[in-house]
Amino acid sequence: MKMVIDTKESLEMALRLAGVQGEWINPDQYGFSRDYRIKVGEQEIIIEWYPNFSTVKIGNLYFWADSINPDSGYPYRGEWIAFGFRGHEFIHLKVKEEIE
């Protein structure tokens, strides 16, 4: 189920559906923030949100994304989310290990 992340609320909802909690950080003088921080395991990820596309920042790697699949079918054990851009999923992020 791919979700377009064209609003701040759609970004939060897509991540929440995947069981990922985050917070808006670095607000400007009016309290507005474009930076949403999530933590998966020990990895911190910043999503710089814009209505047309966002930038997913993982360390010094930056990727554009305009959608999130909160229920990715990536073919490995565990639970995954996928970030996509222009119809292609290119970041698969494991959010939970599979419990056997």
PDB file of N, CA and C in Angstrom:
ATOM      1  N   MET A   1       0.834  -1.175   0.000  1.00  0.00           N
ATOM      2  CA  MET A   1       0.000   0.000   0.000  1.00  0.00           C
ATOM      3  C   MET A   1       0.883   1.243   0.000  1.00  0.00           C
ATOM      4  N   LYS A   2       1.142   1.784  -1.158  1.00  0.00           N
ATOM      5  CA  LYS A   2       1.978   2.975  -1.274  1.00  0.00           C
ATOM      6  C   LYS A   2       1.185   4.207  -0.850  1.00  0.00           C
ATOM      7  N   MET A   3       1.799   5.055  -0.020  1.00  0.00           N
ATOM      8  CA  MET A   3       1.164   6.284   0.435  1.00  0.00           C
ATOM      9  C   MET A   3       2.004   7.469  -0.016  1.00  0.00           C
ATOM     10  N   VAL A   4       1.378   8.398  -0.714  1.00  0.00           N
ATOM     11  CA  VAL A   4       2.057   9.624  -1.113  1.00  0.00           C
ATOM     12  C   VAL A   4       2.237  10.471   0.140  1.00  0.00           C
ATOM     13  N   ILE A   5       3.424  11.054   0.299  1.00  0.00           N
ATOM     14  CA  ILE A   5       3.717  11.848   1.496  1.00  0.00           C
ATOM     15  C   ILE A   5       3.746  13.332   1.135  1.00  0.00           C
ATOM     16  N   ASP A   6       2.600  13.829   0.647  1.00  0.00           N
ATOM     17  CA  ASP A   6       2.515  15.214   0.215  1.00  0.00           C
ATOM     18  C   ASP A   6       2.070  16.171   1.317  1.00  0.00           C
ATOM     19  N   THR A   7       1.745  15.639   2.487  1.00  0.00           N
ATOM     20  CA  THR A   7       1.453  16.474   3.653  1.00  0.00           C
ATOM     21  C   THR A   7       2.258  15.943   4.832  1.00  0.00           C
ATOM     22  N   LYS A   8       2.460  16.807   5.819  1.00  0.00           N
ATOM     23  CA  LYS A   8       3.176  16.371   7.013  1.00  0.00           C
ATOM     24  C   LYS A   8       2.397  15.262   7.722  1.00  0.00           C
ATOM     25  N   GLU A   9       1.074  15.371   7.701  1.00  0.00           N
ATOM     26  CA  GLU A   9       0.233  14.364   8.338  1.00  0.00           C
ATOM     27  C   GLU A   9       0.331  13.019   7.628  1.00  0.00           C
ATOM     28  N   SER A  10       0.445  13.035   6.292  1.00  0.00           N
ATOM     29  CA  SER A  10       0.566  11.762   5.566  1.00  0.00           C
ATOM     30  C   SER A  10       1.912  11.096   5.859  1.00  0.00           C
ATOM     31  N   LEU A  11       2.954  11.884   6.063  1.00  0.00           N
ATOM     32  CA  LEU A  11       4.253  11.329   6.451  1.00  0.00           C
ATOM     33  C   LEU A  11       4.141  10.647   7.807  1.00  0.00           C
ATOM     34  N   GLU A  12       3.574  11.353   8.778  1.00  0.00           N
ATOM     35  CA  GLU A  12       3.414  10.787  10.115  1.00  0.00           C
ATOM     36  C   GLU A  12       2.561   9.520  10.082  1.00  0.00           C
ATOM     37  N   MET A  13       1.462   9.551   9.327  1.00  0.00           N
ATOM     38  CA  MET A  13       0.553   8.402   9.274  1.00  0.00           C
ATOM     39  C   MET A  13       1.223   7.178   8.657  1.00  0.00           C
ATOM     40  N   ALA A  14       1.951   7.370   7.555  1.00  0.00           N
ATOM     41  CA  ALA A  14       2.619   6.243   6.895  1.00  0.00           C
ATOM     42  C   ALA A  14       3.624   5.587   7.838  1.00  0.00           C
ATOM     43  N   LEU A  15       4.389   6.392   8.541  1.00  0.00           N
ATOM     44  CA  LEU A  15       5.371   5.840   9.476  1.00  0.00           C
ATOM     45  C   LEU A  15       4.692   5.174  10.671  1.00  0.00           C
ATOM     46  N   ARG A  16       3.626   5.793  11.156  1.00  0.00           N
ATOM     47  CA  ARG A  16       2.891   5.223  12.288  1.00  0.00           C
ATOM     48  C   ARG A  16       2.284   3.862  11.924  1.00  0.00           C
ATOM     49  N   LEU A  17       1.778   3.728  10.684  1.00  0.00           N
ATOM     50  CA  LEU A  17       1.238   2.444  10.228  1.00  0.00           C
ATOM     51  C   LEU A  17       2.305   1.355  10.235  1.00  0.00           C
ATOM     52  N   ALA A  18       3.548   1.749  10.062  1.00  0.00           N
ATOM     53  CA  ALA A  18       4.657   0.797  10.078  1.00  0.00           C
ATOM     54  C   ALA A  18       5.212   0.595  11.488  1.00  0.00           C
ATOM     55  N   GLY A  19       4.613   1.270  12.478  1.00  0.00           N
ATOM     56  CA  GLY A  19       5.074   1.124  13.853  1.00  0.00           C
ATOM     57  C   GLY A  19       6.296   1.959  14.172  1.00  0.00           C
ATOM     58  N   VAL A  20       6.535   3.004  13.379  1.00  0.00           N
ATOM     59  CA  VAL A  20       7.702   3.863  13.576  1.00  0.00           C
ATOM     60  C   VAL A  20       7.239   5.202  14.136  1.00  0.00           C
ATOM     61  N   GLN A  21       7.769   5.573  15.288  1.00  0.00           N
ATOM     62  CA  GLN A  21       7.446   6.855  15.904  1.00  0.00           C
ATOM     63  C   GLN A  21       8.576   7.840  15.634  1.00  0.00           C
ATOM     64  N   GLY A  22       8.223   9.093  15.534  1.00  0.00           N
ATOM     65  CA  GLY A  22       9.228  10.109  15.304  1.00  0.00           C
ATOM     66  C   GLY A  22       8.821  11.422  15.920  1.00  0.00           C
ATOM     67  N   GLU A  23       9.601  12.452  15.602  1.00  0.00           N
ATOM     68  CA  GLU A  23       9.301  13.780  16.123  1.00  0.00           C
ATOM     69  C   GLU A  23       9.811  14.835  15.152  1.00  0.00           C
ATOM     70  N   TRP A  24       9.111  15.959  15.118  1.00  0.00           N
ATOM     71  CA  TRP A  24       9.542  17.102  14.317  1.00  0.00           C
ATOM     72  C   TRP A  24      10.623  17.832  15.099  1.00  0.00           C
ATOM     73  N   ILE A  25      11.722  18.142  14.441  1.00  0.00           N
ATOM     74  CA  ILE A  25      12.865  18.781  15.107  1.00  0.00           C
ATOM     75  C   ILE A  25      13.261  20.042  14.336  1.00  0.00           C
ATOM     76  N   ASN A  26      14.123  20.830  14.908  1.00  0.00           N
ATOM     77  CA  ASN A  26      14.680  22.039  14.300  1.00  0.00           C
ATOM     78  C   ASN A  26      13.612  23.033  13.836  1.00  0.00           C
ATOM     79  N   PRO A  27      12.655  23.391  14.716  1.00  0.00           N
ATOM     80  CA  PRO A  27      11.630  24.347  14.286  1.00  0.00           C
ATOM     81  C   PRO A  27      12.225  25.737  14.046  1.00  0.00           C
ATOM     82  N   ASP A  28      11.587  26.491  13.145  1.00  0.00           N
ATOM     83  CA  ASP A  28      12.017  27.858  12.901  1.00  0.00           C
ATOM     84  C   ASP A  28      11.412  28.775  13.973  1.00  0.00           C
ATOM     85  N   GLN A  29      11.572  30.069  13.812  1.00  0.00           N
ATOM     86  CA  GLN A  29      11.105  31.019  14.824  1.00  0.00           C
ATOM     87  C   GLN A  29       9.586  31.020  14.984  1.00  0.00           C
ATOM     88  N   TYR A  30       8.858  30.448  14.008  1.00  0.00           N
ATOM     89  CA  TYR A  30       7.402  30.388  14.078  1.00  0.00           C
ATOM     90  C   TYR A  30       6.901  29.017  14.528  1.00  0.00           C
ATOM     91  N   GLY A  31       7.817  28.109  14.825  1.00  0.00           N
ATOM     92  CA  GLY A  31       7.461  26.772  15.287  1.00  0.00           C
ATOM     93  C   GLY A  31       7.282  25.761  14.171  1.00  0.00           C
ATOM     94  N   PHE A  32       7.545  26.157  12.917  1.00  0.00           N
ATOM     95  CA  PHE A  32       7.392  25.252  11.782  1.00  0.00           C
ATOM     96  C   PHE A  32       8.678  24.455  11.572  1.00  0.00           C
ATOM     97  N   SER A  33       8.511  23.176  11.301  1.00  0.00           N
ATOM     98  CA  SER A  33       9.670  22.312  11.061  1.00  0.00           C
ATOM     99  C   SER A  33       9.449  21.481   9.812  1.00  0.00           C
ATOM    100  N   ARG A  34      10.489  21.270   9.050  1.00  0.00           N
ATOM    101  CA  ARG A  34      10.472  20.360   7.902  1.00  0.00           C
ATOM    102  C   ARG A  34      11.201  19.055   8.208  1.00  0.00           C
ATOM    103  N   ASP A  35      11.911  18.990   9.337  1.00  0.00           N
ATOM    104  CA  ASP A  35      12.746  17.839   9.666  1.00  0.00           C
ATOM    105  C   ASP A  35      12.033  16.904  10.638  1.00  0.00           C
ATOM    106  N   TYR A  36      11.805  15.672  10.180  1.00  0.00           N
ATOM    107  CA  TYR A  36      11.163  14.652  11.005  1.00  0.00           C
ATOM    108  C   TYR A  36      12.204  13.572  11.298  1.00  0.00           C
ATOM    109  N   ARG A  37      12.473  13.352  12.582  1.00  0.00           N
ATOM    110  CA  ARG A  37      13.494  12.389  12.988  1.00  0.00           C
ATOM    111  C   ARG A  37      12.844  11.096  13.451  1.00  0.00           C
ATOM    112  N   ILE A  38      13.344   9.985  12.903  1.00  0.00           N
ATOM    113  CA  ILE A  38      12.938   8.671  13.371  1.00  0.00           C
ATOM    114  C   ILE A  38      14.192   7.917  13.776  1.00  0.00           C
ATOM    115  N   LYS A  39      13.997   6.933  14.606  1.00  0.00           N
ATOM    116  CA  LYS A  39      15.109   6.093  15.030  1.00  0.00           C
ATOM    117  C   LYS A  39      14.669   4.653  14.861  1.00  0.00           C
ATOM    118  N   VAL A  40      15.446   3.901  14.117  1.00  0.00           N
ATOM    119  CA  VAL A  40      15.176   2.481  13.902  1.00  0.00           C
ATOM    120  C   VAL A  40      16.397   1.742  14.413  1.00  0.00           C
ATOM    121  N   GLY A  41      16.212   1.008  15.512  1.00  0.00           N
ATOM    122  CA  GLY A  41      17.363   0.414  16.170  1.00  0.00           C
ATOM    123  C   GLY A  41      18.248   1.538  16.671  1.00  0.00           C
ATOM    124  N   GLU A  42      19.495   1.509  16.308  1.00  0.00           N
ATOM    125  CA  GLU A  42      20.427   2.576  16.684  1.00  0.00           C
ATOM    126  C   GLU A  42      20.608   3.607  15.569  1.00  0.00           C
ATOM    127  N   GLN A  43      19.938   3.394  14.447  1.00  0.00           N
ATOM    128  CA  GLN A  43      20.095   4.267  13.275  1.00  0.00           C
ATOM    129  C   GLN A  43      19.132   5.447  13.336  1.00  0.00           C
ATOM    130  N   GLU A  44      19.682   6.657  13.272  1.00  0.00           N
ATOM    131  CA  GLU A  44      18.859   7.856  13.211  1.00  0.00           C
ATOM    132  C   GLU A  44      18.664   8.250  11.751  1.00  0.00           C
ATOM    133  N   ILE A  45      17.428   8.564  11.394  1.00  0.00           N
ATOM    134  CA  ILE A  45      17.093   8.958  10.031  1.00  0.00           C
ATOM    135  C   ILE A  45      16.315  10.265  10.108  1.00  0.00           C
ATOM    136  N   ILE A  46      16.699  11.220   9.283  1.00  0.00           N
ATOM    137  CA  ILE A  46      16.009  12.506   9.203  1.00  0.00           C
ATOM    138  C   ILE A  46      15.308  12.561   7.854  1.00  0.00           C
ATOM    139  N   ILE A  47      14.027  12.910   7.886  1.00  0.00           N
ATOM    140  CA  ILE A  47      13.273  13.104   6.654  1.00  0.00           C
ATOM    141  C   ILE A  47      12.977  14.594   6.552  1.00  0.00           C
ATOM    142  N   GLU A  48      13.591  15.253   5.576  1.00  0.00           N
ATOM    143  CA  GLU A  48      13.330  16.671   5.330  1.00  0.00           C
ATOM    144  C   GLU A  48      12.130  16.735   4.385  1.00  0.00           C
ATOM    145  N   TRP A  49      10.980  17.124   4.929  1.00  0.00           N
ATOM    146  CA  TRP A  49       9.706  17.037   4.211  1.00  0.00           C
ATOM    147  C   TRP A  49       9.418  18.281   3.364  1.00  0.00           C
ATOM    148  N   TYR A  50       8.944  18.044   2.148  1.00  0.00           N
ATOM    149  CA  TYR A  50       8.373  19.063   1.251  1.00  0.00           C
ATOM    150  C   TYR A  50       7.177  18.419   0.564  1.00  0.00           C
ATOM    151  N   PRO A  51       6.181  19.198   0.103  1.00  0.00           N
ATOM    152  CA  PRO A  51       4.989  18.590  -0.494  1.00  0.00           C
ATOM    153  C   PRO A  51       5.248  17.839  -1.799  1.00  0.00           C
ATOM    154  N   ASN A  52       6.241  18.238  -2.574  1.00  0.00           N
ATOM    155  CA  ASN A  52       6.487  17.559  -3.858  1.00  0.00           C
ATOM    156  C   ASN A  52       7.429  16.362  -3.715  1.00  0.00           C
ATOM    157  N   PHE A  53       8.437  16.446  -2.884  1.00  0.00           N
ATOM    158  CA  PHE A  53       9.283  15.305  -2.536  1.00  0.00           C
ATOM    159  C   PHE A  53      10.084  15.655  -1.307  1.00  0.00           C
ATOM    160  N   SER A  54      10.491  14.644  -0.596  1.00  0.00           N
ATOM    161  CA  SER A  54      11.257  14.810   0.631  1.00  0.00           C
ATOM    162  C   SER A  54      12.650  14.239   0.431  1.00  0.00           C
ATOM    163  N   THR A  55      13.543  14.569   1.346  1.00  0.00           N
ATOM    164  CA  THR A  55      14.885  14.008   1.326  1.00  0.00           C
ATOM    165  C   THR A  55      15.045  13.128   2.555  1.00  0.00           C
ATOM    166  N   VAL A  56      15.363  11.865   2.329  1.00  0.00           N
ATOM    167  CA  VAL A  56      15.613  10.910   3.407  1.00  0.00           C
ATOM    168  C   VAL A  56      17.124  10.918   3.641  1.00  0.00           C
ATOM    169  N   LYS A  57      17.521  11.289   4.855  1.00  0.00           N
ATOM    170  CA  LYS A  57      18.939  11.428   5.189  1.00  0.00           C
ATOM    171  C   LYS A  57      19.325  10.332   6.176  1.00  0.00           C
ATOM    172  N   ILE A  58      20.218   9.473   5.731  1.00  0.00           N
ATOM    173  CA  ILE A  58      20.731   8.391   6.571  1.00  0.00           C
ATOM    174  C   ILE A  58      22.239   8.578   6.612  1.00  0.00           C
ATOM    175  N   GLY A  59      22.717   9.127   7.714  1.00  0.00           N
ATOM    176  CA  GLY A  59      24.139   9.470   7.778  1.00  0.00           C
ATOM    177  C   GLY A  59      24.455  10.502   6.712  1.00  0.00           C
ATOM    178  N   ASN A  60      25.438  10.205   5.867  1.00  0.00           N
ATOM    179  CA  ASN A  60      25.770  11.146   4.793  1.00  0.00           C
ATOM    180  C   ASN A  60      25.184  10.700   3.449  1.00  0.00           C
ATOM    181  N   LEU A  61      24.209   9.781   3.469  1.00  0.00           N
ATOM    182  CA  LEU A  61      23.491   9.374   2.257  1.00  0.00           C
ATOM    183  C   LEU A  61      22.165  10.121   2.201  1.00  0.00           C
ATOM    184  N   TYR A  62      21.858  10.719   1.064  1.00  0.00           N
ATOM    185  CA  TYR A  62      20.623  11.477   0.879  1.00  0.00           C
ATOM    186  C   TYR A  62      19.870  10.899  -0.310  1.00  0.00           C
ATOM    187  N   PHE A  63      18.569  10.647  -0.114  1.00  0.00           N
ATOM    188  CA  PHE A  63      17.726  10.091  -1.167  1.00  0.00           C
ATOM    189  C   PHE A  63      16.440  10.905  -1.261  1.00  0.00           C
ATOM    190  N   TRP A  64      15.908  11.063  -2.452  1.00  0.00           N
ATOM    191  CA  TRP A  64      14.612  11.702  -2.628  1.00  0.00           C
ATOM    192  C   TRP A  64      13.519  10.667  -2.466  1.00  0.00           C
ATOM    193  N   ALA A  65      12.394  11.085  -1.896  1.00  0.00           N
ATOM    194  CA  ALA A  65      11.245  10.195  -1.735  1.00  0.00           C
ATOM    195  C   ALA A  65       9.963  11.006  -1.848  1.00  0.00           C
ATOM    196  N   ASP A  66       8.971  10.425  -2.519  1.00  0.00           N
ATOM    197  CA  ASP A  66       7.652  11.055  -2.581  1.00  0.00           C
ATOM    198  C   ASP A  66       6.555  10.118  -2.086  1.00  0.00           C
ATOM    199  N   SER A  67       6.951   8.909  -1.656  1.00  0.00           N
ATOM    200  CA  SER A  67       5.972   7.952  -1.135  1.00  0.00           C
ATOM    201  C   SER A  67       6.634   6.998  -0.146  1.00  0.00           C
ATOM    202  N   ILE A  68       5.779   6.392   0.652  1.00  0.00           N
ATOM    203  CA  ILE A  68       6.218   5.371   1.614  1.00  0.00           C
ATOM    204  C   ILE A  68       5.259   4.202   1.507  1.00  0.00           C
ATOM    205  N   ASN A  69       5.810   3.010   1.480  1.00  0.00           N
ATOM    206  CA  ASN A  69       5.006   1.795   1.575  1.00  0.00           C
ATOM    207  C   ASN A  69       5.222   1.264   2.991  1.00  0.00           C
ATOM    208  N   PRO A  70       4.242   1.466   3.892  1.00  0.00           N
ATOM    209  CA  PRO A  70       4.444   1.051   5.286  1.00  0.00           C
ATOM    210  C   PRO A  70       4.355  -0.452   5.508  1.00  0.00           C
ATOM    211  N   ASP A  71       4.044  -1.194   4.459  1.00  0.00           N
ATOM    212  CA  ASP A  71       3.904  -2.647   4.577  1.00  0.00           C
ATOM    213  C   ASP A  71       4.651  -3.302   3.413  1.00  0.00           C
ATOM    214  N   SER A  72       5.924  -2.998   3.316  1.00  0.00           N
ATOM    215  CA  SER A  72       6.723  -3.474   2.191  1.00  0.00           C
ATOM    216  C   SER A  72       6.823  -4.991   2.195  1.00  0.00           C
ATOM    217  N   GLY A  73       6.823  -5.547   1.029  1.00  0.00           N
ATOM    218  CA  GLY A  73       6.984  -6.991   0.885  1.00  0.00           C
ATOM    219  C   GLY A  73       8.407  -7.364   0.554  1.00  0.00           C
ATOM    220  N   TYR A  74       9.349  -6.593   1.040  1.00  0.00           N
ATOM    221  CA  TYR A  74      10.747  -6.887   0.763  1.00  0.00           C
ATOM    222  C   TYR A  74      11.033  -8.326   1.174  1.00  0.00           C
ATOM    223  N   PRO A  75      11.750  -9.069   0.372  1.00  0.00           N
ATOM    224  CA  PRO A  75      11.834 -10.532   0.565  1.00  0.00           C
ATOM    225  C   PRO A  75      12.822 -11.021   1.627  1.00  0.00           C
ATOM    226  N   TYR A  76      12.828 -10.388   2.752  1.00  0.00           N
ATOM    227  CA  TYR A  76      13.657 -10.879   3.852  1.00  0.00           C
ATOM    228  C   TYR A  76      12.816 -10.928   5.104  1.00  0.00           C
ATOM    229  N   ARG A  77      13.275 -11.633   6.104  1.00  0.00           N
ATOM    230  CA  ARG A  77      12.532 -11.764   7.349  1.00  0.00           C
ATOM    231  C   ARG A  77      12.446 -10.439   8.082  1.00  0.00           C
ATOM    232  N   GLY A  78      11.343 -10.266   8.783  1.00  0.00           N
ATOM    233  CA  GLY A  78      11.131  -9.053   9.560  1.00  0.00           C
ATOM    234  C   GLY A  78      10.085  -8.166   8.906  1.00  0.00           C
ATOM    235  N   GLU A  79       9.912  -6.982   9.479  1.00  0.00           N
ATOM    236  CA  GLU A  79       8.979  -6.000   8.942  1.00  0.00           C
ATOM    237  C   GLU A  79       9.771  -4.862   8.315  1.00  0.00           C
ATOM    238  N   TRP A  80       9.305  -4.425   7.165  1.00  0.00           N
ATOM    239  CA  TRP A  80      10.022  -3.429   6.372  1.00  0.00           C
ATOM    240  C   TRP A  80       9.094  -2.295   5.964  1.00  0.00           C
ATOM    241  N   ILE A  81       9.676  -1.118   5.744  1.00  0.00           N
ATOM    242  CA  ILE A  81       8.998  -0.046   5.038  1.00  0.00           C
ATOM    243  C   ILE A  81       9.877   0.296   3.840  1.00  0.00           C
ATOM    244  N   ALA A  82       9.237   0.839   2.819  1.00  0.00           N
ATOM    245  CA  ALA A  82       9.978   1.204   1.609  1.00  0.00           C
ATOM    246  C   ALA A  82       9.694   2.652   1.266  1.00  0.00           C
ATOM    247  N   PHE A  83      10.747   3.391   0.955  1.00  0.00           N
ATOM    248  CA  PHE A  83      10.610   4.755   0.462  1.00  0.00           C
ATOM    249  C   PHE A  83      10.719   4.699  -1.053  1.00  0.00           C
ATOM    250  N   GLY A  84       9.868   5.461  -1.729  1.00  0.00           N
ATOM    251  CA  GLY A  84       9.877   5.445  -3.186  1.00  0.00           C
ATOM    252  C   GLY A  84       9.930   6.843  -3.770  1.00  0.00           C
ATOM    253  N   PHE A  85      10.311   6.891  -5.042  1.00  0.00           N
ATOM    254  CA  PHE A  85      10.347   8.154  -5.771  1.00  0.00           C
ATOM    255  C   PHE A  85       9.946   7.873  -7.210  1.00  0.00           C
ATOM    256  N   ARG A  86       8.929   8.590  -7.668  1.00  0.00           N
ATOM    257  CA  ARG A  86       8.417   8.457  -9.032  1.00  0.00           C
ATOM    258  C   ARG A  86       8.077   7.016  -9.400  1.00  0.00           C
ATOM    259  N   GLY A  87       7.434   6.314  -8.463  1.00  0.00           N
ATOM    260  CA  GLY A  87       6.936   4.973  -8.738  1.00  0.00           C
ATOM    261  C   GLY A  87       7.893   3.834  -8.465  1.00  0.00           C
ATOM    262  N   HIS A  88       9.120   4.135  -8.050  1.00  0.00           N
ATOM    263  CA  HIS A  88      10.106   3.078  -7.800  1.00  0.00           C
ATOM    264  C   HIS A  88      10.495   3.074  -6.329  1.00  0.00           C
ATOM    265  N   GLU A  89      10.426   1.906  -5.695  1.00  0.00           N
ATOM    266  CA  GLU A  89      10.885   1.777  -4.312  1.00  0.00           C
ATOM    267  C   GLU A  89      12.378   1.504  -4.324  1.00  0.00           C
ATOM    268  N   PHE A  90      13.123   2.306  -3.604  1.00  0.00           N
ATOM    269  CA  PHE A  90      14.578   2.162  -3.656  1.00  0.00           C
ATOM    270  C   PHE A  90      15.242   2.087  -2.296  1.00  0.00           C
ATOM    271  N   ILE A  91      14.555   2.473  -1.232  1.00  0.00           N
ATOM    272  CA  ILE A  91      15.104   2.313   0.113  1.00  0.00           C
ATOM    273  C   ILE A  91      14.194   1.337   0.845  1.00  0.00           C
ATOM    274  N   HIS A  92      14.739   0.217   1.271  1.00  0.00           N
ATOM    275  CA  HIS A  92      13.996  -0.748   2.069  1.00  0.00           C
ATOM    276  C   HIS A  92      14.619  -0.739   3.455  1.00  0.00           C
ATOM    277  N   LEU A  93      13.821  -0.353   4.439  1.00  0.00           N
ATOM    278  CA  LEU A  93      14.319  -0.154   5.792  1.00  0.00           C
ATOM    279  C   LEU A  93      13.646  -1.166   6.719  1.00  0.00           C
ATOM    280  N   LYS A  94      14.463  -2.035   7.320  1.00  0.00           N
ATOM    281  CA  LYS A  94      13.925  -3.018   8.268  1.00  0.00           C
ATOM    282  C   LYS A  94      13.602  -2.303   9.571  1.00  0.00           C
ATOM    283  N   VAL A  95      12.326  -2.364   9.969  1.00  0.00           N
ATOM    284  CA  VAL A  95      11.892  -1.688  11.184  1.00  0.00           C
ATOM    285  C   VAL A  95      11.697  -2.651  12.354  1.00  0.00           C
ATOM    286  N   LYS A  96      11.631  -3.957  12.053  1.00  0.00           N
ATOM    287  CA  LYS A  96      11.450  -4.926  13.123  1.00  0.00           C
ATOM    288  C   LYS A  96      11.952  -6.278  12.670  1.00  0.00           C
ATOM    289  N   GLU A  97      12.717  -6.925  13.545  1.00  0.00           N
ATOM    290  CA  GLU A  97      13.190  -8.280  13.254  1.00  0.00           C
ATOM    291  C   GLU A  97      12.036  -9.261  13.359  1.00  0.00           C
ATOM    292  N   GLU A  98      12.086 -10.310  12.592  1.00  0.00           N
ATOM    293  CA  GLU A  98      11.078 -11.365  12.680  1.00  0.00           C
ATOM    294  C   GLU A  98      11.367 -12.191  13.928  1.00  0.00           C
ATOM    295  N   ILE A  99      10.326 -12.460  14.692  1.00  0.00           N
ATOM    296  CA  ILE A  99      10.472 -13.287  15.898  1.00  0.00           C
ATOM    297  C   ILE A  99      10.090 -14.714  15.528  1.00  0.00           C
ATOM    298  N   GLU A 100      10.998 -15.635  15.800  1.00  0.00           N
ATOM    299  CA  GLU A 100      10.724 -17.042  15.453  1.00  0.00           C
ATOM    300  C   GLU A 100      10.282 -17.808  16.663  1.00  0.00           C
TER     301      GLU A 100
END
